[in-house]
Amino acid sequence: MPLPRLIILAAAATLAAPQIAAAQAEPPCITASEFTALATYALPGAIDGTTRTCAPTLPANAYLRNHGSELAARYAAGRDEVWPEAKAAFLKMSAATDPDTANLFAAMPDDNLRQIADAALSGIAASKVKPGSCATIDRMIALLAPLPAANTAELIAVLAGLGSKTGEARFGKYSLCKA
């Protein structure tokens, strides 16, 4: 093999090595604080998405059919405050899925990124809800509704993090940091 070709191949391998190593490395974990912020940020969209998915299957007196929109609006009040930490969690989750997309997201103005995060988080919530579970979800949301958004998000984080001391806590394919 001619020397210039060998140099080009070696340079390409050297440039690719960090990307290959990064692709094989475990994605960074999401801290309890980041998870709580992400849950707080995502709650209004999750409630809206769940309401849209479940409304057709719920009885007329169901909580979500009658109060889902107002609960989502009330929970939306704290979103601006938690956005910086929610953004960090969203970027970590994006990096675990597609590092190039995460880099693109990180470079975006916050207003644009928030629109993407809103659509993604609402869509994830709506896609996970199965019509057969809507009555149970409706009941759980009705029980949690009197709580402020911060308390509901913290409860979700505590439940998700129960296994974090053993390193088993996961939110989908994303790991939660050990407590």
N, C-alpha and C. Protein backbone atom coordinates (compact mmCIF):
# COMPACT_ATOMS: atom_id res chain seq x y z
N MET A 1 0.86 -1.17 0.00
CA MET A 1 0.00 0.00 0.00
C MET A 1 0.90 1.23 0.00
N PRO A 2 0.64 2.19 -0.87
CA PRO A 2 1.44 3.40 -0.91
C PRO A 2 1.33 4.16 0.42
N LEU A 3 2.39 4.86 0.76
CA LEU A 3 2.48 5.59 2.03
C LEU A 3 1.36 6.62 2.20
N PRO A 4 1.02 7.46 1.18
CA PRO A 4 -0.05 8.43 1.40
C PRO A 4 -1.38 7.76 1.76
N ARG A 5 -1.68 6.64 1.14
CA ARG A 5 -2.92 5.93 1.45
C ARG A 5 -2.91 5.42 2.89
N LEU A 6 -1.77 4.91 3.32
CA LEU A 6 -1.62 4.41 4.68
C LEU A 6 -1.80 5.56 5.68
N ILE A 7 -1.25 6.71 5.37
CA ILE A 7 -1.39 7.88 6.25
C ILE A 7 -2.85 8.31 6.32
N ILE A 8 -3.51 8.30 5.18
CA ILE A 8 -4.94 8.69 5.17
C ILE A 8 -5.75 7.70 5.99
N LEU A 9 -5.52 6.40 5.82
CA LEU A 9 -6.24 5.39 6.60
C LEU A 9 -5.96 5.54 8.10
N ALA A 10 -4.70 5.77 8.45
CA ALA A 10 -4.34 5.95 9.86
C ALA A 10 -5.01 7.19 10.43
N ALA A 11 -5.03 8.27 9.66
CA ALA A 11 -5.68 9.51 10.12
C ALA A 11 -7.17 9.29 10.30
N ALA A 12 -7.78 8.60 9.37
CA ALA A 12 -9.22 8.32 9.47
C ALA A 12 -9.51 7.47 10.69
N ALA A 13 -8.68 6.46 10.95
CA ALA A 13 -8.87 5.62 12.12
C ALA A 13 -8.70 6.42 13.41
N THR A 14 -7.72 7.31 13.43
CA THR A 14 -7.48 8.14 14.61
C THR A 14 -8.66 9.07 14.86
N LEU A 15 -9.20 9.65 13.80
CA LEU A 15 -10.35 10.54 13.96
C LEU A 15 -11.59 9.77 14.37
N ALA A 16 -11.75 8.56 13.89
CA ALA A 16 -12.94 7.77 14.19
C ALA A 16 -12.88 7.14 15.58
N ALA A 17 -11.71 6.91 16.13
CA ALA A 17 -11.56 6.22 17.41
C ALA A 17 -12.36 6.86 18.55
N PRO A 18 -12.29 8.18 18.74
CA PRO A 18 -13.09 8.76 19.82
C PRO A 18 -14.59 8.57 19.60
N GLN A 19 -15.03 8.64 18.35
CA GLN A 19 -16.45 8.46 18.07
C GLN A 19 -16.87 7.03 18.34
N ILE A 20 -16.04 6.07 17.99
CA ILE A 20 -16.36 4.67 18.25
C ILE A 20 -16.39 4.43 19.75
N ALA A 21 -15.42 4.97 20.47
CA ALA A 21 -15.37 4.80 21.92
C ALA A 21 -16.59 5.46 22.57
N ALA A 22 -16.96 6.62 22.09
CA ALA A 22 -18.12 7.31 22.65
C ALA A 22 -19.39 6.53 22.38
N ALA A 23 -19.49 5.92 21.21
CA ALA A 23 -20.68 5.15 20.88
C ALA A 23 -20.79 3.91 21.75
N GLN A 24 -19.64 3.34 22.17
CA GLN A 24 -19.66 2.14 22.98
C GLN A 24 -19.81 2.46 24.46
N ALA A 25 -19.48 3.66 24.87
CA ALA A 25 -19.56 4.03 26.28
C ALA A 25 -21.01 4.13 26.73
N GLU A 26 -21.21 3.84 27.99
CA GLU A 26 -22.54 3.97 28.59
C GLU A 26 -22.89 5.46 28.61
N PRO A 27 -24.11 5.82 28.20
CA PRO A 27 -24.47 7.24 28.24
C PRO A 27 -24.46 7.76 29.67
N PRO A 28 -24.22 9.05 29.84
CA PRO A 28 -24.19 9.59 31.20
C PRO A 28 -25.56 9.42 31.86
N CYS A 29 -25.53 9.19 33.16
CA CYS A 29 -26.79 9.01 33.87
C CYS A 29 -27.48 10.35 34.10
N ILE A 30 -28.75 10.27 34.40
CA ILE A 30 -29.55 11.46 34.69
C ILE A 30 -29.64 11.56 36.21
N THR A 31 -29.28 12.71 36.76
CA THR A 31 -29.31 12.89 38.21
C THR A 31 -30.75 12.98 38.69
N ALA A 32 -30.94 12.77 39.99
CA ALA A 32 -32.28 12.87 40.57
C ALA A 32 -32.86 14.27 40.35
N SER A 33 -32.01 15.28 40.50
CA SER A 33 -32.45 16.66 40.31
C SER A 33 -32.86 16.92 38.86
N GLU A 34 -32.04 16.43 37.91
CA GLU A 34 -32.38 16.59 36.49
C GLU A 34 -33.67 15.84 36.15
N PHE A 35 -33.82 14.65 36.72
CA PHE A 35 -35.03 13.87 36.45
C PHE A 35 -36.26 14.59 36.99
N THR A 36 -36.15 15.13 38.19
CA THR A 36 -37.28 15.88 38.78
C THR A 36 -37.61 17.09 37.91
N ALA A 37 -36.60 17.81 37.47
CA ALA A 37 -36.83 18.98 36.60
C ALA A 37 -37.47 18.55 35.29
N LEU A 38 -36.99 17.45 34.71
CA LEU A 38 -37.57 16.97 33.46
C LEU A 38 -39.02 16.54 33.67
N ALA A 39 -39.29 15.86 34.79
CA ALA A 39 -40.67 15.46 35.08
C ALA A 39 -41.56 16.69 35.26
N THR A 40 -41.07 17.69 35.98
CA THR A 40 -41.84 18.93 36.17
C THR A 40 -42.12 19.59 34.83
N TYR A 41 -41.08 19.66 34.01
CA TYR A 41 -41.22 20.28 32.69
C TYR A 41 -42.18 19.49 31.80
N ALA A 42 -42.10 18.16 31.87
CA ALA A 42 -42.87 17.30 30.96
C ALA A 42 -44.31 17.08 31.40
N LEU A 43 -44.63 17.29 32.67
CA LEU A 43 -45.97 16.98 33.16
C LEU A 43 -47.10 17.61 32.34
N PRO A 44 -47.06 18.90 32.02
CA PRO A 44 -48.18 19.47 31.26
C PRO A 44 -48.38 18.77 29.90
N GLY A 45 -47.31 18.53 29.18
CA GLY A 45 -47.42 17.85 27.89
C GLY A 45 -47.86 16.42 28.04
N ALA A 46 -47.35 15.74 29.09
CA ALA A 46 -47.75 14.36 29.34
C ALA A 46 -49.24 14.28 29.67
N ILE A 47 -49.71 15.22 30.46
CA ILE A 47 -51.13 15.23 30.82
C ILE A 47 -51.97 15.52 29.58
N ASP A 48 -51.55 16.49 28.76
CA ASP A 48 -52.28 16.78 27.52
C ASP A 48 -52.30 15.57 26.58
N GLY A 49 -51.14 14.95 26.40
CA GLY A 49 -51.07 13.78 25.52
C GLY A 49 -51.90 12.63 26.03
N THR A 50 -51.87 12.40 27.34
CA THR A 50 -52.66 11.33 27.94
C THR A 50 -54.15 11.65 27.83
N THR A 51 -54.51 12.89 28.03
CA THR A 51 -55.91 13.29 27.90
C THR A 51 -56.41 13.04 26.48
N ARG A 52 -55.62 13.42 25.49
CA ARG A 52 -56.01 13.20 24.08
C ARG A 52 -56.17 11.70 23.78
N THR A 53 -55.25 10.91 24.30
CA THR A 53 -55.29 9.47 24.05
C THR A 53 -56.45 8.81 24.77
N CYS A 54 -56.70 9.21 26.00
CA CYS A 54 -57.67 8.51 26.85
C CYS A 54 -59.10 9.04 26.76
N ALA A 55 -59.29 10.29 26.43
CA ALA A 55 -60.63 10.87 26.45
C ALA A 55 -61.68 10.03 25.71
N PRO A 56 -61.37 9.50 24.53
CA PRO A 56 -62.41 8.72 23.84
C PRO A 56 -62.82 7.44 24.56
N THR A 57 -61.97 6.91 25.44
CA THR A 57 -62.29 5.64 26.11
C THR A 57 -62.79 5.83 27.53
N LEU A 58 -62.73 7.05 28.05
CA LEU A 58 -63.13 7.29 29.44
C LEU A 58 -64.59 7.70 29.53
N PRO A 59 -65.21 7.41 30.67
CA PRO A 59 -66.61 7.84 30.86
C PRO A 59 -66.69 9.37 30.95
N ALA A 60 -67.88 9.89 30.80
CA ALA A 60 -68.11 11.34 30.79
C ALA A 60 -67.67 12.01 32.08
N ASN A 61 -67.71 11.31 33.20
CA ASN A 61 -67.33 11.92 34.49
C ASN A 61 -65.86 11.71 34.85
N ALA A 62 -65.05 11.22 33.94
CA ALA A 62 -63.64 10.97 34.22
C ALA A 62 -62.90 12.27 34.49
N TYR A 63 -61.89 12.18 35.36
CA TYR A 63 -61.11 13.35 35.73
C TYR A 63 -60.44 13.99 34.52
N LEU A 64 -59.76 13.19 33.73
CA LEU A 64 -59.03 13.74 32.58
C LEU A 64 -59.95 14.43 31.60
N ARG A 65 -61.10 13.87 31.35
CA ARG A 65 -62.03 14.49 30.40
C ARG A 65 -62.53 15.84 30.90
N ASN A 66 -62.68 15.95 32.21
CA ASN A 66 -63.25 17.17 32.79
C ASN A 66 -62.22 18.18 33.30
N HIS A 67 -61.04 17.69 33.67
CA HIS A 67 -60.06 18.59 34.31
C HIS A 67 -58.64 18.46 33.76
N GLY A 68 -58.43 17.59 32.78
CA GLY A 68 -57.08 17.38 32.26
C GLY A 68 -56.43 18.65 31.74
N SER A 69 -57.17 19.43 30.98
CA SER A 69 -56.61 20.67 30.41
C SER A 69 -56.27 21.69 31.49
N GLU A 70 -57.13 21.84 32.49
CA GLU A 70 -56.85 22.82 33.55
C GLU A 70 -55.69 22.35 34.42
N LEU A 71 -55.55 21.04 34.65
CA LEU A 71 -54.41 20.54 35.41
C LEU A 71 -53.12 20.78 34.64
N ALA A 72 -53.13 20.51 33.34
CA ALA A 72 -51.95 20.75 32.51
C ALA A 72 -51.56 22.23 32.56
N ALA A 73 -52.54 23.12 32.48
CA ALA A 73 -52.27 24.56 32.53
C ALA A 73 -51.70 24.95 33.89
N ARG A 74 -52.24 24.40 34.96
CA ARG A 74 -51.73 24.72 36.31
C ARG A 74 -50.31 24.22 36.48
N TYR A 75 -50.03 23.01 35.99
CA TYR A 75 -48.68 22.44 36.10
C TYR A 75 -47.69 23.16 35.19
N ALA A 76 -48.16 23.82 34.16
CA ALA A 76 -47.26 24.53 33.24
C ALA A 76 -46.64 25.77 33.89
N ALA A 77 -47.20 26.24 34.98
CA ALA A 77 -46.71 27.47 35.61
C ALA A 77 -45.24 27.39 36.03
N GLY A 78 -44.73 26.23 36.40
CA GLY A 78 -43.35 26.12 36.88
C GLY A 78 -42.33 25.70 35.84
N ARG A 79 -42.74 25.61 34.61
CA ARG A 79 -41.85 25.09 33.56
C ARG A 79 -40.64 25.97 33.29
N ASP A 80 -40.81 27.27 33.26
CA ASP A 80 -39.68 28.16 32.95
C ASP A 80 -38.58 28.03 33.98
N GLU A 81 -38.95 27.89 35.23
CA GLU A 81 -37.99 27.81 36.32
C GLU A 81 -37.12 26.55 36.24
N VAL A 82 -37.70 25.43 35.81
CA VAL A 82 -36.95 24.17 35.77
C VAL A 82 -36.31 23.89 34.42
N TRP A 83 -36.57 24.73 33.43
CA TRP A 83 -36.06 24.46 32.08
C TRP A 83 -34.55 24.20 32.03
N PRO A 84 -33.69 24.99 32.68
CA PRO A 84 -32.25 24.72 32.53
C PRO A 84 -31.85 23.29 32.92
N GLU A 85 -32.39 22.78 34.02
CA GLU A 85 -32.05 21.41 34.41
C GLU A 85 -32.78 20.39 33.55
N ALA A 86 -34.01 20.68 33.17
CA ALA A 86 -34.74 19.78 32.28
C ALA A 86 -34.03 19.69 30.93
N LYS A 87 -33.50 20.81 30.48
CA LYS A 87 -32.75 20.84 29.22
C LYS A 87 -31.53 19.93 29.31
N ALA A 88 -30.82 19.98 30.44
CA ALA A 88 -29.64 19.12 30.62
C ALA A 88 -30.03 17.65 30.51
N ALA A 89 -31.13 17.28 31.14
CA ALA A 89 -31.60 15.89 31.07
C ALA A 89 -32.03 15.53 29.66
N PHE A 90 -32.74 16.44 29.00
CA PHE A 90 -33.19 16.20 27.63
C PHE A 90 -32.00 16.01 26.69
N LEU A 91 -30.97 16.82 26.87
CA LEU A 91 -29.77 16.69 26.03
C LEU A 91 -29.03 15.38 26.30
N LYS A 92 -28.98 14.95 27.57
CA LYS A 92 -28.36 13.66 27.88
C LYS A 92 -29.14 12.52 27.23
N MET A 93 -30.46 12.60 27.31
CA MET A 93 -31.29 11.55 26.70
C MET A 93 -31.11 11.56 25.18
N SER A 94 -31.04 12.74 24.60
CA SER A 94 -30.82 12.86 23.16
C SER A 94 -29.47 12.30 22.76
N ALA A 95 -28.45 12.58 23.57
CA ALA A 95 -27.10 12.09 23.27
C ALA A 95 -27.04 10.58 23.33
N ALA A 96 -27.81 9.98 24.23
CA ALA A 96 -27.83 8.52 24.33
C ALA A 96 -28.49 7.90 23.11
N THR A 97 -29.38 8.64 22.47
CA THR A 97 -30.08 8.14 21.29
C THR A 97 -29.31 8.45 20.02
N ASP A 98 -28.86 9.71 19.89
CA ASP A 98 -28.16 10.14 18.68
C ASP A 98 -27.28 11.34 19.02
N PRO A 99 -25.98 11.11 19.20
CA PRO A 99 -25.07 12.21 19.59
C PRO A 99 -25.08 13.39 18.61
N ASP A 100 -25.20 13.13 17.32
CA ASP A 100 -25.22 14.23 16.35
C ASP A 100 -26.45 15.12 16.54
N THR A 101 -27.59 14.49 16.77
CA THR A 101 -28.81 15.26 17.01
C THR A 101 -28.68 16.04 18.32
N ALA A 102 -28.10 15.42 19.33
CA ALA A 102 -27.91 16.12 20.61
C ALA A 102 -27.03 17.35 20.43
N ASN A 103 -25.99 17.24 19.61
CA ASN A 103 -25.13 18.40 19.34
C ASN A 103 -25.92 19.50 18.63
N LEU A 104 -26.76 19.12 17.70
CA LEU A 104 -27.62 20.08 17.01
C LEU A 104 -28.56 20.75 18.00
N PHE A 105 -29.19 19.94 18.87
CA PHE A 105 -30.09 20.49 19.89
C PHE A 105 -29.36 21.46 20.81
N ALA A 106 -28.14 21.10 21.22
CA ALA A 106 -27.38 21.94 22.15
C ALA A 106 -27.05 23.30 21.54
N ALA A 107 -26.95 23.36 20.23
CA ALA A 107 -26.62 24.61 19.55
C ALA A 107 -27.84 25.47 19.26
N MET A 108 -29.03 24.92 19.45
CA MET A 108 -30.26 25.66 19.14
C MET A 108 -30.58 26.71 20.19
N PRO A 109 -31.27 27.77 19.76
CA PRO A 109 -31.81 28.72 20.75
C PRO A 109 -32.84 27.99 21.62
N ASP A 110 -32.93 28.38 22.88
CA ASP A 110 -33.82 27.70 23.81
C ASP A 110 -35.28 27.65 23.34
N ASP A 111 -35.77 28.72 22.74
CA ASP A 111 -37.17 28.72 22.29
C ASP A 111 -37.43 27.61 21.29
N ASN A 112 -36.51 27.41 20.37
CA ASN A 112 -36.67 26.34 19.37
C ASN A 112 -36.54 24.97 20.01
N LEU A 113 -35.55 24.82 20.90
CA LEU A 113 -35.35 23.53 21.55
C LEU A 113 -36.54 23.17 22.42
N ARG A 114 -37.11 24.15 23.08
CA ARG A 114 -38.28 23.87 23.94
C ARG A 114 -39.45 23.37 23.10
N GLN A 115 -39.64 23.90 21.91
CA GLN A 115 -40.71 23.40 21.04
C GLN A 115 -40.48 21.94 20.68
N ILE A 116 -39.23 21.59 20.41
CA ILE A 116 -38.90 20.21 20.08
C ILE A 116 -39.09 19.32 21.31
N ALA A 117 -38.59 19.78 22.46
CA ALA A 117 -38.73 19.01 23.70
C ALA A 117 -40.20 18.81 24.04
N ASP A 118 -41.00 19.87 23.90
CA ASP A 118 -42.44 19.76 24.18
C ASP A 118 -43.09 18.69 23.32
N ALA A 119 -42.82 18.74 22.03
CA ALA A 119 -43.42 17.77 21.11
C ALA A 119 -42.93 16.36 21.42
N ALA A 120 -41.64 16.21 21.67
CA ALA A 120 -41.07 14.89 21.94
C ALA A 120 -41.62 14.30 23.23
N LEU A 121 -41.61 15.09 24.31
CA LEU A 121 -42.05 14.58 25.60
C LEU A 121 -43.55 14.28 25.61
N SER A 122 -44.35 15.13 24.98
CA SER A 122 -45.78 14.88 24.89
C SER A 122 -46.05 13.64 24.04
N GLY A 123 -45.32 13.52 22.94
CA GLY A 123 -45.49 12.37 22.06
C GLY A 123 -45.09 11.07 22.73
N ILE A 124 -44.00 11.10 23.50
CA ILE A 124 -43.56 9.91 24.23
C ILE A 124 -44.64 9.47 25.20
N ALA A 125 -45.17 10.43 25.96
CA ALA A 125 -46.20 10.10 26.94
C ALA A 125 -47.43 9.52 26.26
N ALA A 126 -47.89 10.16 25.20
CA ALA A 126 -49.08 9.69 24.51
C ALA A 126 -48.87 8.31 23.89
N SER A 127 -47.68 8.06 23.38
CA SER A 127 -47.43 6.77 22.73
C SER A 127 -47.32 5.62 23.72
N LYS A 128 -46.98 5.90 24.96
CA LYS A 128 -46.84 4.86 25.98
C LYS A 128 -48.17 4.47 26.61
N VAL A 129 -49.16 5.32 26.47
CA VAL A 129 -50.46 5.07 27.09
C VAL A 129 -51.27 4.13 26.20
N LYS A 130 -51.69 3.04 26.81
CA LYS A 130 -52.55 2.09 26.10
C LYS A 130 -53.99 2.33 26.56
N PRO A 131 -54.94 2.34 25.64
CA PRO A 131 -56.33 2.61 26.01
C PRO A 131 -56.85 1.76 27.17
N GLY A 132 -56.37 0.53 27.30
CA GLY A 132 -56.80 -0.33 28.39
C GLY A 132 -56.36 0.14 29.76
N SER A 133 -55.36 1.00 29.81
CA SER A 133 -54.87 1.50 31.10
C SER A 133 -55.40 2.89 31.42
N CYS A 134 -56.23 3.45 30.56
CA CYS A 134 -56.69 4.83 30.76
C CYS A 134 -57.49 5.02 32.05
N ALA A 135 -58.32 4.06 32.43
CA ALA A 135 -59.11 4.22 33.66
C ALA A 135 -58.19 4.29 34.88
N THR A 136 -57.17 3.46 34.92
CA THR A 136 -56.22 3.48 36.03
C THR A 136 -55.42 4.78 36.04
N ILE A 137 -54.96 5.19 34.87
CA ILE A 137 -54.20 6.45 34.77
C ILE A 137 -55.07 7.62 35.20
N ASP A 138 -56.31 7.63 34.78
CA ASP A 138 -57.24 8.69 35.16
C ASP A 138 -57.37 8.75 36.68
N ARG A 139 -57.51 7.60 37.30
CA ARG A 139 -57.65 7.54 38.75
C ARG A 139 -56.39 8.05 39.45
N MET A 140 -55.21 7.63 38.95
CA MET A 140 -53.94 8.09 39.54
C MET A 140 -53.78 9.60 39.39
N ILE A 141 -54.08 10.13 38.22
CA ILE A 141 -53.95 11.58 38.01
C ILE A 141 -54.92 12.34 38.91
N ALA A 142 -56.13 11.82 39.08
CA ALA A 142 -57.09 12.46 39.98
C ALA A 142 -56.56 12.50 41.41
N LEU A 143 -55.88 11.43 41.84
CA LEU A 143 -55.31 11.40 43.19
C LEU A 143 -54.14 12.37 43.34
N LEU A 144 -53.34 12.53 42.28
CA LEU A 144 -52.17 13.41 42.34
C LEU A 144 -52.52 14.88 42.07
N ALA A 145 -53.64 15.13 41.45
CA ALA A 145 -54.00 16.48 41.00
C ALA A 145 -53.96 17.55 42.10
N PRO A 146 -54.34 17.25 43.34
CA PRO A 146 -54.28 18.30 44.36
C PRO A 146 -52.85 18.76 44.69
N LEU A 147 -51.86 17.92 44.38
CA LEU A 147 -50.48 18.29 44.67
C LEU A 147 -49.98 19.36 43.71
N PRO A 148 -49.07 20.20 44.18
CA PRO A 148 -48.40 21.12 43.25
C PRO A 148 -47.54 20.31 42.27
N ALA A 149 -47.25 20.90 41.13
CA ALA A 149 -46.46 20.21 40.11
C ALA A 149 -45.12 19.73 40.66
N ALA A 150 -44.47 20.54 41.49
CA ALA A 150 -43.16 20.17 42.03
C ALA A 150 -43.26 18.90 42.88
N ASN A 151 -44.32 18.77 43.67
CA ASN A 151 -44.49 17.58 44.49
C ASN A 151 -44.79 16.35 43.64
N THR A 152 -45.63 16.51 42.64
CA THR A 152 -45.94 15.39 41.75
C THR A 152 -44.68 14.93 41.02
N ALA A 153 -43.90 15.87 40.51
CA ALA A 153 -42.66 15.53 39.80
C ALA A 153 -41.67 14.86 40.74
N GLU A 154 -41.56 15.35 41.97
CA GLU A 154 -40.65 14.75 42.94
C GLU A 154 -41.09 13.33 43.28
N LEU A 155 -42.39 13.11 43.42
CA LEU A 155 -42.91 11.77 43.68
C LEU A 155 -42.57 10.82 42.52
N ILE A 156 -42.73 11.30 41.31
CA ILE A 156 -42.38 10.50 40.13
C ILE A 156 -40.89 10.17 40.16
N ALA A 157 -40.06 11.15 40.50
CA ALA A 157 -38.61 10.93 40.56
C ALA A 157 -38.24 9.94 41.66
N VAL A 158 -38.89 10.04 42.82
CA VAL A 158 -38.62 9.11 43.91
C VAL A 158 -38.99 7.69 43.48
N LEU A 159 -40.15 7.54 42.87
CA LEU A 159 -40.57 6.21 42.42
C LEU A 159 -39.63 5.66 41.36
N ALA A 160 -39.22 6.51 40.44
CA ALA A 160 -38.31 6.07 39.38
C ALA A 160 -36.93 5.74 39.95
N GLY A 161 -36.54 6.43 41.01
CA GLY A 161 -35.20 6.26 41.56
C GLY A 161 -35.08 5.24 42.67
N LEU A 162 -36.14 4.52 42.97
CA LEU A 162 -36.08 3.56 44.07
C LEU A 162 -34.92 2.58 43.92
N GLY A 163 -34.59 2.22 42.69
CA GLY A 163 -33.50 1.28 42.48
C GLY A 163 -32.15 1.94 42.29
N SER A 164 -32.05 3.26 42.42
CA SER A 164 -30.79 3.94 42.09
C SER A 164 -29.65 3.57 43.02
N LYS A 165 -29.95 3.18 44.25
CA LYS A 165 -28.88 2.80 45.18
C LYS A 165 -28.17 1.54 44.71
N THR A 166 -28.85 0.70 43.96
CA THR A 166 -28.24 -0.53 43.45
C THR A 166 -27.79 -0.38 42.01
N GLY A 167 -28.05 0.78 41.42
CA GLY A 167 -27.66 1.00 40.04
C GLY A 167 -28.65 0.44 39.04
N GLU A 168 -29.81 0.00 39.53
CA GLU A 168 -30.81 -0.61 38.66
C GLU A 168 -31.87 0.38 38.19
N ALA A 169 -31.85 1.59 38.69
CA ALA A 169 -32.91 2.54 38.34
C ALA A 169 -32.76 2.98 36.89
N ARG A 170 -33.86 2.87 36.18
CA ARG A 170 -33.85 3.24 34.78
C ARG A 170 -35.17 3.94 34.47
N PHE A 171 -35.09 4.83 33.52
CA PHE A 171 -36.27 5.47 32.96
C PHE A 171 -36.21 5.12 31.49
N GLY A 172 -36.93 4.06 31.11
CA GLY A 172 -36.80 3.54 29.77
C GLY A 172 -35.39 3.01 29.60
N LYS A 173 -34.69 3.46 28.57
CA LYS A 173 -33.31 2.99 28.36
C LYS A 173 -32.28 3.89 29.02
N TYR A 174 -32.72 4.90 29.75
CA TYR A 174 -31.82 5.85 30.38
C TYR A 174 -31.62 5.50 31.83
N SER A 175 -30.39 5.51 32.29
CA SER A 175 -30.13 5.17 33.68
C SER A 175 -30.19 6.43 34.55
N LEU A 176 -30.64 6.20 35.77
CA LEU A 176 -30.65 7.26 36.76
C LEU A 176 -29.39 7.08 37.60
N CYS A 177 -28.75 8.17 37.95
CA CYS A 177 -27.51 8.10 38.72
C CYS A 177 -27.76 7.45 40.06
N LYS A 178 -26.75 6.75 40.56
CA LYS A 178 -26.84 6.15 41.88
C LYS A 178 -26.97 7.25 42.92
N ALA A 179 -27.84 7.02 43.86
CA ALA A 179 -28.07 8.03 44.92
C ALA A 179 -26.94 8.05 45.91
